Amino acid sequence: MVLAPRRHVSARNPTSDLLYFTERGSGPPLLLVHGLMATGEMFDPVIEHFAMLHRVIVPDLRGHGRSRRFPPPYTAVQLASDLARLLDHLGIDSTAVLGYSQGGAIAQQLVLDHPERCNRLVLACTYAFNMASFREKLEGHLAPVLIHTLGMKRFAKFVVSQGAKDLGRQRGDWLVALIASQDRTLMLSAWKEMLAFDSRLRLAEIRCPTLVIAGSNDKAVPIHHAKMLHDGIAGSRLVIVAGANHALIWTRPDELVRVTDEFLVA
């Protein structure tokens, strides 16, 4: 495979009001939105492929990675507003958007608040409301306690050992390091806002073509969430990757890019 050239890599000045972002490739724009406690680096397994066909924009969300200097609130509304401001800066009126895990919640908010900014939407391993079952409510309220008690590194090791056992040693250690590098206080604030996100009553407002991708064995965001999104967004397409879990982007990247490519060029 021939890798696309790096179009642009930019770190924002500390006085700037823009998120840190990287940019690769050329063509129709594609915005990649990462999940909670991660950064844009989570898209490393797929970014070079997407950059062969797209102008790929990968920000670090407010409070995360190299955008951690941005203070709360870390609500979906605020994070979506940050993305809209970044698109303004880049001169992008409308873009395809792929949101992964909590990044899918932020992508939904972007479409709901700024519908003209998104022409195609990919929601991968994500949800409309992540507190839909007793187990999810228990885990959602237990996680901040574990973060506070264990610290980011030990919490990261626990999360990876429970939810991404098939990553392999090297990738697993990388993910632990990525999560552990986040600021504990900021992540506690971001986690609280994640629990509050609920787009269920507004899914019918999403009118752009939408692809919902889920792993059949995803324990972090079980498959009923994907079905809820599919049922709520008129005309959406649902793809379930058999045997995949929440680490789909790292364990099955070829399948993720294949179904995304088919959708984006349709």
Protein backbone atom coordinates (compact mmCIF):
# COMPACT_ATOMS: atom_id res chain seq x y z
CA MET A 1 0.00 0.00 0.00
CA VAL A 2 1.31 3.46 -0.92
CA LEU A 3 1.00 5.86 1.99
CA ALA A 4 -0.46 9.29 1.39
CA PRO A 5 1.87 12.24 1.93
CA ARG A 6 1.45 14.26 5.09
CA ARG A 7 -0.43 17.35 3.92
CA HIS A 8 -0.16 19.35 7.10
CA VAL A 9 0.61 18.79 10.75
CA SER A 10 -0.09 21.70 13.04
CA ALA A 11 0.13 22.39 16.75
CA ARG A 12 -1.81 25.45 17.80
CA ASN A 13 -0.14 28.35 19.56
CA PRO A 14 -0.94 28.41 23.32
CA THR A 15 -2.81 31.70 22.84
CA SER A 16 -4.97 30.30 20.04
CA ASP A 17 -8.62 29.41 20.58
CA LEU A 18 -8.34 26.47 18.17
CA LEU A 19 -7.99 22.81 19.04
CA TYR A 20 -4.75 21.04 18.26
CA PHE A 21 -5.19 19.06 15.05
CA THR A 22 -3.34 17.16 12.38
CA GLU A 23 -4.24 17.08 8.72
CA ARG A 24 -3.36 14.52 6.04
CA GLY A 25 -4.11 13.93 2.38
CA SER A 26 -6.30 15.81 -0.05
CA GLY A 27 -9.77 15.46 -1.53
CA PRO A 28 -13.22 15.65 0.06
CA PRO A 29 -12.83 16.45 3.77
CA LEU A 30 -13.24 13.81 6.47
CA LEU A 31 -13.29 14.77 10.16
CA LEU A 32 -12.28 12.01 12.63
CA VAL A 33 -13.53 12.44 16.21
CA HIS A 34 -11.85 10.37 18.93
CA GLY A 35 -13.30 8.85 22.08
CA LEU A 36 -13.12 9.69 25.77
CA MET A 37 -9.65 9.52 27.40
CA ALA A 38 -8.02 9.12 23.99
CA THR A 39 -6.61 11.53 21.40
CA GLY A 40 -6.55 11.77 17.64
CA GLU A 41 -3.70 9.24 17.76
CA MET A 42 -6.28 6.49 18.15
CA PHE A 43 -6.91 6.77 14.40
CA ASP A 44 -3.31 5.88 13.50
CA PRO A 45 -4.27 2.44 12.10
CA VAL A 46 -6.67 3.98 9.54
CA ILE A 47 -5.57 7.55 8.86
CA GLU A 48 -3.10 6.78 6.08
CA HIS A 49 -5.73 4.78 4.21
CA PHE A 50 -8.35 7.52 4.52
CA ALA A 51 -5.78 10.14 3.48
CA MET A 52 -5.41 8.47 0.09
CA LEU A 53 -8.95 9.61 -0.73
CA HIS A 54 -9.72 12.46 1.66
CA ARG A 55 -8.44 15.59 3.29
CA VAL A 56 -8.43 14.09 6.79
CA ILE A 57 -8.71 16.38 9.83
CA VAL A 58 -7.96 14.81 13.22
CA PRO A 59 -8.33 17.08 16.27
CA ASP A 60 -7.63 16.41 19.92
CA LEU A 61 -10.87 17.31 21.69
CA ARG A 62 -11.02 19.93 24.43
CA GLY A 63 -9.32 18.64 27.59
CA HIS A 64 -7.62 15.76 25.79
CA GLY A 65 -4.04 15.27 24.62
CA ARG A 66 -2.55 18.42 23.14
CA SER A 67 -5.84 20.31 23.63
CA ARG A 68 -5.85 19.74 27.38
CA ARG A 69 -5.20 23.42 28.10
CA PHE A 70 -8.81 24.15 27.10
CA PRO A 71 -10.87 24.34 30.31
CA PRO A 72 -14.30 22.85 31.06
CA PRO A 73 -17.10 22.55 30.26
CA TYR A 74 -16.60 19.32 28.33
CA THR A 75 -20.22 19.00 27.32
CA ALA A 76 -21.08 17.57 23.91
CA VAL A 77 -22.42 21.01 22.95
CA GLN A 78 -19.11 22.69 23.77
CA LEU A 79 -17.00 20.03 22.04
CA ALA A 80 -19.18 20.20 18.93
CA SER A 81 -18.86 23.99 18.94
CA ASP A 82 -15.07 23.62 19.08
CA LEU A 83 -15.19 21.38 16.00
CA ALA A 84 -17.39 23.84 14.11
CA ARG A 85 -14.91 26.60 14.91
CA LEU A 86 -12.05 24.45 13.62
CA LEU A 87 -13.93 23.79 10.37
CA ASP A 88 -14.46 27.55 10.01
CA HIS A 89 -10.72 28.11 10.40
CA LEU A 90 -9.96 25.48 7.76
CA GLY A 91 -12.50 26.93 5.34
CA ILE A 92 -14.59 23.74 5.32
CA ASP A 93 -18.31 24.38 4.90
CA SER A 94 -19.36 20.72 4.97
CA THR A 95 -17.53 17.47 5.71
CA ALA A 96 -18.00 13.76 6.24
CA VAL A 97 -17.64 12.96 9.96
CA LEU A 98 -16.58 9.70 11.62
CA GLY A 99 -17.04 9.57 15.38
CA TYR A 100 -15.75 6.61 17.38
CA SER A 101 -17.07 5.66 20.84
CA GLN A 102 -17.75 8.92 22.72
CA GLY A 103 -16.54 10.68 19.59
CA GLY A 104 -19.76 9.41 18.00
CA ALA A 105 -21.75 11.32 20.61
CA ILE A 106 -19.84 14.49 19.77
CA ALA A 107 -20.38 13.83 16.05
CA GLN A 108 -24.13 13.53 16.65
CA GLN A 109 -24.11 16.82 18.55
CA LEU A 110 -22.23 18.49 15.70
CA VAL A 111 -24.86 17.34 13.21
CA LEU A 112 -27.74 18.35 15.48
CA ASP A 113 -26.34 21.81 16.26
CA HIS A 114 -24.78 22.49 12.85
CA PRO A 115 -26.60 20.26 10.34
CA GLU A 116 -25.14 22.08 7.36
CA ARG A 117 -21.60 21.12 8.43
CA CYS A 118 -22.01 17.36 7.94
CA ASN A 119 -22.81 15.70 4.62
CA ARG A 120 -22.22 12.10 5.72
CA LEU A 121 -22.03 10.64 9.20
CA VAL A 122 -20.29 7.46 10.40
CA LEU A 123 -21.06 6.37 13.97
CA ALA A 124 -18.69 3.61 15.12
CA CYS A 125 -19.00 1.70 18.40
CA THR A 126 -21.08 4.49 19.89
CA TYR A 127 -24.42 5.36 21.47
CA ALA A 128 -27.28 7.80 21.84
CA PHE A 129 -27.47 7.26 25.61
CA ASN A 130 -24.82 5.26 27.46
CA MET A 131 -26.80 4.75 30.68
CA ALA A 132 -29.57 2.61 29.21
CA SER A 133 -29.14 -0.47 31.45
CA PHE A 134 -28.49 -1.15 35.12
CA ARG A 135 -25.01 -2.47 34.32
CA GLU A 136 -24.16 0.66 32.34
CA LYS A 137 -25.38 2.91 35.13
CA LEU A 138 -23.31 0.95 37.66
CA GLU A 139 -20.16 1.03 35.51
CA GLY A 140 -20.73 4.67 34.63
CA HIS A 141 -20.80 5.77 38.24
CA LEU A 142 -18.07 3.35 39.38
CA ALA A 143 -15.49 4.49 36.83
CA PRO A 144 -14.88 7.95 38.39
CA VAL A 145 -14.29 6.26 41.75
CA LEU A 146 -11.72 3.96 40.16
CA ILE A 147 -10.04 6.85 38.34
CA HIS A 148 -9.80 8.84 41.57
CA THR A 149 -8.56 5.85 43.58
CA LEU A 150 -6.25 4.12 41.12
CA GLY A 151 -4.94 7.04 39.10
CA MET A 152 -4.87 7.14 35.33
CA LYS A 153 -2.18 4.53 34.69
CA ARG A 154 -3.64 1.76 36.84
CA PHE A 155 -7.14 2.61 35.64
CA ALA A 156 -5.91 2.37 32.05
CA LYS A 157 -4.39 -1.04 32.70
CA PHE A 158 -7.66 -2.22 34.23
CA VAL A 159 -9.75 -0.96 31.32
CA VAL A 160 -7.51 -2.51 28.68
CA SER A 161 -7.31 -5.83 30.54
CA GLN A 162 -11.10 -6.00 30.74
CA GLY A 163 -12.23 -4.60 27.41
CA ALA A 164 -9.40 -5.09 24.94
CA LYS A 165 -7.78 -8.40 25.76
CA ASP A 166 -7.20 -9.30 22.11
CA LEU A 167 -5.13 -6.22 21.27
CA GLY A 168 -1.78 -7.91 21.78
CA ARG A 169 1.01 -6.76 24.08
CA GLN A 170 2.44 -3.96 21.97
CA ARG A 171 -0.87 -2.31 21.03
CA GLY A 172 -2.24 -2.88 24.53
CA ASP A 173 0.75 -1.15 26.11
CA TRP A 174 0.33 1.72 23.62
CA LEU A 175 -3.33 2.15 24.56
CA VAL A 176 -2.53 2.05 28.27
CA ALA A 177 0.07 4.77 27.75
CA LEU A 178 -2.38 6.89 25.71
CA ILE A 179 -5.06 6.75 28.41
CA ALA A 180 -2.55 7.16 31.25
CA SER A 181 -1.19 10.35 29.67
CA GLN A 182 -4.49 12.17 30.16
CA ASP A 183 -5.06 14.53 33.08
CA ARG A 184 -7.06 12.82 35.83
CA THR A 185 -9.00 15.90 36.93
CA LEU A 186 -9.97 16.81 33.38
CA MET A 187 -11.00 13.24 32.58
CA LEU A 188 -13.23 13.09 35.66
CA SER A 189 -14.99 16.20 34.39
CA ALA A 190 -15.25 14.79 30.86
CA TRP A 191 -16.60 11.49 32.17
CA LYS A 192 -19.36 13.30 34.05
CA GLU A 193 -20.45 15.03 30.86
CA MET A 194 -20.37 11.73 28.95
CA LEU A 195 -22.90 10.29 31.41
CA ALA A 196 -25.20 13.24 30.76
CA PHE A 197 -25.28 12.88 26.96
CA ASP A 198 -28.66 11.77 25.59
CA SER A 199 -29.65 12.22 21.95
CA ARG A 200 -32.51 9.69 21.90
CA LEU A 201 -35.28 12.23 21.43
CA ARG A 202 -33.37 14.04 18.67
CA LEU A 203 -32.18 11.18 16.48
CA ALA A 204 -35.00 11.82 14.00
CA GLU A 205 -33.48 15.27 13.37
CA ILE A 206 -30.37 13.69 11.82
CA ARG A 207 -31.12 13.82 8.10
CA CYS A 208 -27.72 13.30 6.46
CA PRO A 209 -26.80 9.80 5.20
CA THR A 210 -25.63 7.83 8.23
CA LEU A 211 -23.69 4.60 8.71
CA VAL A 212 -23.75 2.86 12.09
CA ILE A 213 -20.92 0.37 12.73
CA ALA A 214 -20.83 -2.00 15.70
CA GLY A 215 -18.87 -5.00 16.91
CA SER A 216 -21.02 -7.99 17.78
CA ASN A 217 -18.95 -8.67 20.93
CA ASP A 218 -18.62 -5.07 22.13
CA LYS A 219 -19.04 -5.12 25.91
CA ALA A 220 -18.18 -1.45 26.45
CA VAL A 221 -20.94 -0.26 24.10
CA PRO A 222 -23.21 -3.28 23.57
CA ILE A 223 -24.94 -3.83 20.26
CA HIS A 224 -28.33 -2.57 21.49
CA HIS A 225 -26.88 0.94 21.24
CA ALA A 226 -26.16 0.52 17.54
CA LYS A 227 -29.68 -0.76 16.97
CA MET A 228 -31.10 2.22 18.85
CA LEU A 229 -29.17 4.60 16.59
CA HIS A 230 -30.18 2.69 13.47
CA ASP A 231 -33.86 2.68 14.47
CA GLY A 232 -33.82 6.36 15.38
CA ILE A 233 -32.00 7.77 12.34
CA ALA A 234 -34.20 7.43 9.28
CA GLY A 235 -32.55 5.71 6.34
CA SER A 236 -29.40 4.84 8.26
CA ARG A 237 -27.38 1.75 7.43
CA LEU A 238 -26.27 -0.69 10.13
CA VAL A 239 -23.15 -2.85 9.76
CA ILE A 240 -22.29 -5.35 12.49
CA VAL A 241 -18.74 -6.74 12.41
CA ALA A 242 -18.98 -10.33 13.63
CA GLY A 243 -16.64 -11.19 16.48
CA ALA A 244 -15.36 -7.64 16.94
CA ASN A 245 -15.37 -5.75 20.23
CA HIS A 246 -14.86 -2.12 21.24
CA ALA A 247 -11.26 -2.28 20.01
CA LEU A 248 -12.51 -2.78 16.43
CA ILE A 249 -10.41 0.10 15.12
CA TRP A 250 -7.21 -1.66 16.23
CA THR A 251 -8.12 -5.32 15.80
CA ARG A 252 -10.13 -5.07 12.57
CA PRO A 253 -9.03 -1.80 10.90
CA ASP A 254 -9.35 -3.25 7.38
CA GLU A 255 -13.04 -3.97 7.93
CA LEU A 256 -13.64 -0.54 9.42
CA VAL A 257 -12.11 1.26 6.44
CA ARG A 258 -13.77 -1.06 3.93
CA VAL A 259 -17.33 -0.42 5.11
CA THR A 260 -16.59 3.27 5.63
CA ASP A 261 -15.14 3.62 2.12
CA GLU A 262 -18.18 1.89 0.61
CA PHE A 263 -20.47 4.30 2.43
CA LEU A 264 -18.54 7.49 1.72
CA VAL A 265 -18.27 6.90 -2.02
CA ALA A 266 -21.81 5.60 -2.50
